[in-house]
Amino acid sequence: RSTVDGRDAVRGGLKEGLMLTSGFASVSSIFHPANRRGADFRYLGTQKTDGGEAHVIAFSQKPETAKTVTRFITNSRSALALVHGLAWVDAETFQILRLHTFLLHPLPEVQLLKLSTDIKFQEVAFKGISAPLWLPREVEIMVNFRGRDLRNKHSYSDFKLFSVESREESKPVHIPPSPPAPESRE
């Protein structure tokens, strides 16, 4: 996240009892072929949506094989949160249109009883990239943390594309020779 002039946005609010939430562009990676063994999937059928028809798929992460997990962090502790939920996939393009996730099990070690996210995706085109990306348009997060119900809502627009280039150089390291071993006398 950044400000309009490109500087990092200041993250505040934890001390005031507010909740910080992030990382929603990667939630759909649960469906990536490299991660699919980490969840069970069930096809539920089709449903009419705003733009046409969508396949509805239920999923539930498996604790023993899940690779992509959510981390819930408090001021003093953190815990991994596995989820289950529903995905709406466009019947023509097979793009994920919407994901709704729920906490698989409460996390008493961080006092998290409920966690749900509702993510709606949109197609975003960037100059210089041939295929559009599907990124979050709107995200709503609801939690029951320490007995309090909290809700965050994110709306995304005006995406910017940044690129970073890096180069690795290696220089020979001079290692001085080891001193000769002492002679043994018998």
C-alpha atoms as a PDB file:
ATOM      1  CA  ARG A   1       0.000   0.000   0.000  1.00  0.00           C
ATOM      2  CA  SER A   2       1.192   3.434  -0.771  1.00  0.00           C
ATOM      3  CA  THR A   3       0.101   7.032  -0.683  1.00  0.00           C
ATOM      4  CA  VAL A   4      -0.836   8.985  -3.820  1.00  0.00           C
ATOM      5  CA  ASP A   5       2.755  10.227  -4.153  1.00  0.00           C
ATOM      6  CA  GLY A   6       4.180   6.672  -3.933  1.00  0.00           C
ATOM      7  CA  ARG A   7       5.405   6.590  -0.330  1.00  0.00           C
ATOM      8  CA  ASP A   8       4.624   3.659   1.960  1.00  0.00           C
ATOM      9  CA  ALA A   9       1.334   4.163   3.765  1.00  0.00           C
ATOM     10  CA  VAL A  10       1.640   4.352   7.535  1.00  0.00           C
ATOM     11  CA  ARG A  11       0.085   1.392   9.278  1.00  0.00           C
ATOM     12  CA  GLY A  12      -1.499   2.399  12.528  1.00  0.00           C
ATOM     13  CA  GLY A  13      -4.448   1.579  14.644  1.00  0.00           C
ATOM     14  CA  LEU A  14      -3.502  -1.569  16.536  1.00  0.00           C
ATOM     15  CA  LYS A  15      -3.054   0.358  19.779  1.00  0.00           C
ATOM     16  CA  GLU A  16      -6.483   1.930  19.252  1.00  0.00           C
ATOM     17  CA  GLY A  17      -8.100  -1.518  18.931  1.00  0.00           C
ATOM     18  CA  LEU A  18      -8.395  -1.409  15.153  1.00  0.00           C
ATOM     19  CA  MET A  19      -7.669  -4.334  12.863  1.00  0.00           C
ATOM     20  CA  LEU A  20      -5.152  -4.272   9.992  1.00  0.00           C
ATOM     21  CA  THR A  21      -5.826  -6.630   7.092  1.00  0.00           C
ATOM     22  CA  SER A  22      -3.885  -7.312   3.892  1.00  0.00           C
ATOM     23  CA  GLY A  23      -2.774  -9.919   1.364  1.00  0.00           C
ATOM     24  CA  PHE A  24      -5.999 -10.533  -0.542  1.00  0.00           C
ATOM     25  CA  ALA A  25      -4.557 -10.690  -4.063  1.00  0.00           C
ATOM     26  CA  SER A  26      -2.945 -14.041  -3.239  1.00  0.00           C
ATOM     27  CA  VAL A  27      -5.908 -15.810  -1.602  1.00  0.00           C
ATOM     28  CA  SER A  28      -6.963 -17.396  -4.904  1.00  0.00           C
ATOM     29  CA  SER A  29      -3.592 -19.182  -5.101  1.00  0.00           C
ATOM     30  CA  ILE A  30      -5.260 -22.043  -3.202  1.00  0.00           C
ATOM     31  CA  PHE A  31      -6.469 -23.093  -6.694  1.00  0.00           C
ATOM     32  CA  HIS A  32      -2.989 -23.023  -8.258  1.00  0.00           C
ATOM     33  CA  PRO A  33      -1.885 -26.521  -9.379  1.00  0.00           C
ATOM     34  CA  ALA A  34       1.105 -26.401  -7.003  1.00  0.00           C
ATOM     35  CA  ASN A  35      -1.225 -25.775  -4.024  1.00  0.00           C
ATOM     36  CA  ARG A  36      -4.275 -27.903  -4.848  1.00  0.00           C
ATOM     37  CA  ARG A  37      -3.125 -30.861  -2.736  1.00  0.00           C
ATOM     38  CA  GLY A  38      -3.523 -28.565   0.259  1.00  0.00           C
ATOM     39  CA  ALA A  39      -7.331 -28.604   0.081  1.00  0.00           C
ATOM     40  CA  ASP A  40     -10.331 -30.736  -0.756  1.00  0.00           C
ATOM     41  CA  PHE A  41     -12.649 -29.400  -3.480  1.00  0.00           C
ATOM     42  CA  ARG A  42     -16.293 -30.137  -4.311  1.00  0.00           C
ATOM     43  CA  TYR A  43     -18.222 -28.945  -7.349  1.00  0.00           C
ATOM     44  CA  LEU A  44     -21.655 -27.675  -6.274  1.00  0.00           C
ATOM     45  CA  GLY A  45     -23.113 -26.673  -9.660  1.00  0.00           C
ATOM     46  CA  THR A  46     -23.776 -23.366 -11.397  1.00  0.00           C
ATOM     47  CA  GLN A  47     -25.337 -20.116 -10.235  1.00  0.00           C
ATOM     48  CA  LYS A  48     -26.461 -16.990 -12.074  1.00  0.00           C
ATOM     49  CA  THR A  49     -24.255 -13.965 -11.354  1.00  0.00           C
ATOM     50  CA  ASP A  50     -24.251 -10.316 -12.371  1.00  0.00           C
ATOM     51  CA  GLY A  51     -22.268 -11.049 -15.510  1.00  0.00           C
ATOM     52  CA  GLY A  52     -23.681 -14.447 -16.474  1.00  0.00           C
ATOM     53  CA  GLU A  53     -23.197 -17.890 -15.043  1.00  0.00           C
ATOM     54  CA  ALA A  54     -20.592 -19.168 -12.585  1.00  0.00           C
ATOM     55  CA  HIS A  55     -19.444 -22.569 -11.378  1.00  0.00           C
ATOM     56  CA  VAL A  56     -19.641 -22.791  -7.580  1.00  0.00           C
ATOM     57  CA  ILE A  57     -16.859 -24.749  -5.890  1.00  0.00           C
ATOM     58  CA  ALA A  58     -16.566 -25.533  -2.179  1.00  0.00           C
ATOM     59  CA  PHE A  59     -13.101 -26.017  -0.698  1.00  0.00           C
ATOM     60  CA  SER A  60     -11.562 -26.846   2.661  1.00  0.00           C
ATOM     61  CA  GLN A  61      -7.884 -26.668   3.504  1.00  0.00           C
ATOM     62  CA  LYS A  62      -6.208 -29.779   4.872  1.00  0.00           C
ATOM     63  CA  PRO A  63      -3.957 -29.130   7.888  1.00  0.00           C
ATOM     64  CA  GLU A  64      -1.477 -31.824   6.870  1.00  0.00           C
ATOM     65  CA  THR A  65      -0.821 -30.526   3.322  1.00  0.00           C
ATOM     66  CA  ALA A  66      -1.923 -26.865   3.079  1.00  0.00           C
ATOM     67  CA  LYS A  67       0.870 -24.625   1.762  1.00  0.00           C
ATOM     68  CA  THR A  68      -0.922 -21.292   1.470  1.00  0.00           C
ATOM     69  CA  VAL A  69      -2.231 -20.277   4.857  1.00  0.00           C
ATOM     70  CA  THR A  70      -3.308 -17.090   6.565  1.00  0.00           C
ATOM     71  CA  ARG A  71      -1.353 -15.810   9.543  1.00  0.00           C
ATOM     72  CA  PHE A  72      -3.294 -14.005  12.282  1.00  0.00           C
ATOM     73  CA  ILE A  73      -0.979 -11.748  14.292  1.00  0.00           C
ATOM     74  CA  THR A  74      -1.682  -9.962  17.555  1.00  0.00           C
ATOM     75  CA  ASN A  75       0.634  -7.702  19.567  1.00  0.00           C
ATOM     76  CA  SER A  76       2.171 -10.691  21.339  1.00  0.00           C
ATOM     77  CA  ARG A  77       1.316 -13.873  19.386  1.00  0.00           C
ATOM     78  CA  SER A  78       0.530 -15.305  15.992  1.00  0.00           C
ATOM     79  CA  ALA A  79      -1.209 -18.396  14.672  1.00  0.00           C
ATOM     80  CA  LEU A  80      -1.787 -20.039  11.310  1.00  0.00           C
ATOM     81  CA  ALA A  81      -5.412 -19.935  10.206  1.00  0.00           C
ATOM     82  CA  LEU A  82      -6.775 -22.538   7.807  1.00  0.00           C
ATOM     83  CA  VAL A  83      -9.976 -21.784   5.903  1.00  0.00           C
ATOM     84  CA  HIS A  84     -12.851 -23.351   4.033  1.00  0.00           C
ATOM     85  CA  GLY A  85     -15.220 -21.598   1.706  1.00  0.00           C
ATOM     86  CA  LEU A  86     -16.816 -21.080  -1.676  1.00  0.00           C
ATOM     87  CA  ALA A  87     -15.499 -19.870  -5.017  1.00  0.00           C
ATOM     88  CA  TRP A  88     -17.515 -18.538  -7.957  1.00  0.00           C
ATOM     89  CA  VAL A  89     -15.712 -19.207 -11.243  1.00  0.00           C
ATOM     90  CA  ASP A  90     -16.865 -17.643 -14.520  1.00  0.00           C
ATOM     91  CA  ALA A  91     -18.365 -20.442 -16.658  1.00  0.00           C
ATOM     92  CA  GLU A  92     -16.868 -19.019 -19.883  1.00  0.00           C
ATOM     93  CA  THR A  93     -13.443 -17.679 -18.893  1.00  0.00           C
ATOM     94  CA  PHE A  94     -12.786 -19.801 -15.775  1.00  0.00           C
ATOM     95  CA  GLN A  95     -11.600 -16.708 -13.901  1.00  0.00           C
ATOM     96  CA  ILE A  96     -12.327 -16.590 -10.177  1.00  0.00           C
ATOM     97  CA  LEU A  97     -14.982 -13.906  -9.707  1.00  0.00           C
ATOM     98  CA  ARG A  98     -15.524 -14.189  -5.968  1.00  0.00           C
ATOM     99  CA  LEU A  99     -14.151 -16.030  -2.940  1.00  0.00           C
ATOM    100  CA  HIS A 100     -15.856 -16.326   0.420  1.00  0.00           C
ATOM    101  CA  THR A 101     -13.729 -17.921   3.145  1.00  0.00           C
ATOM    102  CA  PHE A 102     -14.420 -18.927   6.742  1.00  0.00           C
ATOM    103  CA  LEU A 103     -12.080 -19.941   9.554  1.00  0.00           C
ATOM    104  CA  LEU A 104     -11.786 -23.745   9.625  1.00  0.00           C
ATOM    105  CA  HIS A 105     -11.272 -23.917  13.416  1.00  0.00           C
ATOM    106  CA  PRO A 106     -11.252 -21.255  16.163  1.00  0.00           C
ATOM    107  CA  LEU A 107      -7.757 -20.193  17.302  1.00  0.00           C
ATOM    108  CA  PRO A 108      -7.960 -19.882  21.099  1.00  0.00           C
ATOM    109  CA  GLU A 109      -4.195 -19.204  21.364  1.00  0.00           C
ATOM    110  CA  VAL A 110      -4.799 -15.781  19.755  1.00  0.00           C
ATOM    111  CA  GLN A 111      -8.437 -15.431  20.916  1.00  0.00           C
ATOM    112  CA  LEU A 112      -9.800 -15.589  17.367  1.00  0.00           C
ATOM    113  CA  LEU A 113     -13.213 -17.247  17.294  1.00  0.00           C
ATOM    114  CA  LYS A 114     -14.414 -16.298  13.798  1.00  0.00           C
ATOM    115  CA  LEU A 115     -12.832 -15.010  10.601  1.00  0.00           C
ATOM    116  CA  SER A 116     -14.519 -14.617   7.245  1.00  0.00           C
ATOM    117  CA  THR A 117     -13.555 -12.819   4.059  1.00  0.00           C
ATOM    118  CA  ASP A 118     -15.624 -11.981   1.012  1.00  0.00           C
ATOM    119  CA  ILE A 119     -13.418 -11.065  -1.965  1.00  0.00           C
ATOM    120  CA  LYS A 120     -14.793  -9.838  -5.279  1.00  0.00           C
ATOM    121  CA  PHE A 121     -12.320  -9.807  -8.166  1.00  0.00           C
ATOM    122  CA  GLN A 122     -12.088  -7.624 -11.269  1.00  0.00           C
ATOM    123  CA  GLU A 123     -10.169  -7.773 -14.523  1.00  0.00           C
ATOM    124  CA  VAL A 124      -7.344  -5.200 -14.639  1.00  0.00           C
ATOM    125  CA  ALA A 125      -5.354  -4.447 -17.800  1.00  0.00           C
ATOM    126  CA  PHE A 126      -1.897  -2.861 -17.695  1.00  0.00           C
ATOM    127  CA  LYS A 127       0.045  -1.288 -20.556  1.00  0.00           C
ATOM    128  CA  GLY A 128       2.858  -3.549 -21.680  1.00  0.00           C
ATOM    129  CA  ILE A 129       1.272  -6.757 -20.376  1.00  0.00           C
ATOM    130  CA  SER A 130      -0.615  -8.837 -22.924  1.00  0.00           C
ATOM    131  CA  ALA A 131      -2.951 -10.667 -20.525  1.00  0.00           C
ATOM    132  CA  PRO A 132      -5.069  -8.840 -17.935  1.00  0.00           C
ATOM    133  CA  LEU A 133      -4.737  -9.695 -14.253  1.00  0.00           C
ATOM    134  CA  TRP A 134      -7.633 -10.533 -11.953  1.00  0.00           C
ATOM    135  CA  LEU A 135      -7.225  -8.507  -8.768  1.00  0.00           C
ATOM    136  CA  PRO A 136      -9.455  -7.741  -5.780  1.00  0.00           C
ATOM    137  CA  ARG A 137     -12.108  -5.073  -6.363  1.00  0.00           C
ATOM    138  CA  GLU A 138     -13.710  -5.230  -2.947  1.00  0.00           C
ATOM    139  CA  VAL A 139     -12.901  -7.171   0.216  1.00  0.00           C
ATOM    140  CA  GLU A 140     -14.910  -7.426   3.404  1.00  0.00           C
ATOM    141  CA  ILE A 141     -13.350  -9.054   6.476  1.00  0.00           C
ATOM    142  CA  MET A 142     -15.241  -9.955   9.627  1.00  0.00           C
ATOM    143  CA  VAL A 143     -13.691 -11.360  12.802  1.00  0.00           C
ATOM    144  CA  ASN A 144     -14.610 -12.156  16.363  1.00  0.00           C
ATOM    145  CA  PHE A 145     -11.404 -11.341  18.230  1.00  0.00           C
ATOM    146  CA  ARG A 146     -11.240 -11.236  22.021  1.00  0.00           C
ATOM    147  CA  GLY A 147     -15.035 -11.327  22.122  1.00  0.00           C
ATOM    148  CA  ARG A 148     -15.420  -8.272  19.869  1.00  0.00           C
ATOM    149  CA  ASP A 149     -16.874  -8.283  16.372  1.00  0.00           C
ATOM    150  CA  LEU A 150     -14.696  -6.266  13.984  1.00  0.00           C
ATOM    151  CA  ARG A 151     -15.168  -5.526  10.291  1.00  0.00           C
ATOM    152  CA  ASN A 152     -12.853  -4.083   7.649  1.00  0.00           C
ATOM    153  CA  LYS A 153     -13.812  -3.198   4.122  1.00  0.00           C
ATOM    154  CA  HIS A 154     -11.323  -2.540   1.315  1.00  0.00           C
ATOM    155  CA  SER A 155     -12.134  -1.063  -2.089  1.00  0.00           C
ATOM    156  CA  TYR A 156      -9.461  -1.121  -4.792  1.00  0.00           C
ATOM    157  CA  SER A 157      -9.086   1.054  -7.886  1.00  0.00           C
ATOM    158  CA  ASP A 158      -6.478   2.862  -9.986  1.00  0.00           C
ATOM    159  CA  PHE A 159      -3.983   0.004  -9.894  1.00  0.00           C
ATOM    160  CA  LYS A 160      -0.394   0.857 -10.755  1.00  0.00           C
ATOM    161  CA  LEU A 161       2.190  -1.549 -12.102  1.00  0.00           C
ATOM    162  CA  PHE A 162       5.702  -1.366 -10.702  1.00  0.00           C
ATOM    163  CA  SER A 163       8.674  -3.358 -11.847  1.00  0.00           C
ATOM    164  CA  VAL A 164      11.867  -4.051 -10.018  1.00  0.00           C
ATOM    165  CA  GLU A 165      15.088  -5.258 -11.492  1.00  0.00           C
ATOM    166  CA  SER A 166      17.886  -6.781  -9.500  1.00  0.00           C
ATOM    167  CA  ARG A 167      21.306  -8.065 -10.304  1.00  0.00           C
ATOM    168  CA  GLU A 168      23.564 -10.316  -8.310  1.00  0.00           C
ATOM    169  CA  GLU A 169      27.299  -9.987  -8.583  1.00  0.00           C
ATOM    170  CA  SER A 170      29.866 -12.198  -7.015  1.00  0.00           C
ATOM    171  CA  LYS A 171      33.450 -11.260  -6.433  1.00  0.00           C
ATOM    172  CA  PRO A 172      36.183 -13.753  -5.678  1.00  0.00           C
ATOM    173  CA  VAL A 173      36.909 -13.898  -1.992  1.00  0.00           C
ATOM    174  CA  HIS A 174      40.557 -13.963  -1.005  1.00  0.00           C
ATOM    175  CA  ILE A 175      41.153 -16.558   1.685  1.00  0.00           C
ATOM    176  CA  PRO A 176      44.628 -16.375   3.169  1.00  0.00           C
ATOM    177  CA  PRO A 177      46.515 -19.663   3.202  1.00  0.00           C
ATOM    178  CA  SER A 178      46.408 -21.643   6.414  1.00  0.00           C
ATOM    179  CA  PRO A 179      49.545 -21.519   8.525  1.00  0.00           C
ATOM    180  CA  PRO A 180      51.703 -24.607   8.180  1.00  0.00           C
ATOM    181  CA  ALA A 181      50.922 -27.381  10.632  1.00  0.00           C
ATOM    182  CA  PRO A 182      53.386 -27.633  13.496  1.00  0.00           C
ATOM    183  CA  GLU A 183      55.980 -30.365  13.122  1.00  0.00           C
ATOM    184  CA  SER A 184      55.630 -33.186  15.550  1.00  0.00           C
ATOM    185  CA  ARG A 185      58.685 -34.396  17.424  1.00  0.00           C
ATOM    186  CA  GLU A 186      58.973 -37.838  18.841  1.00  0.00           C
END
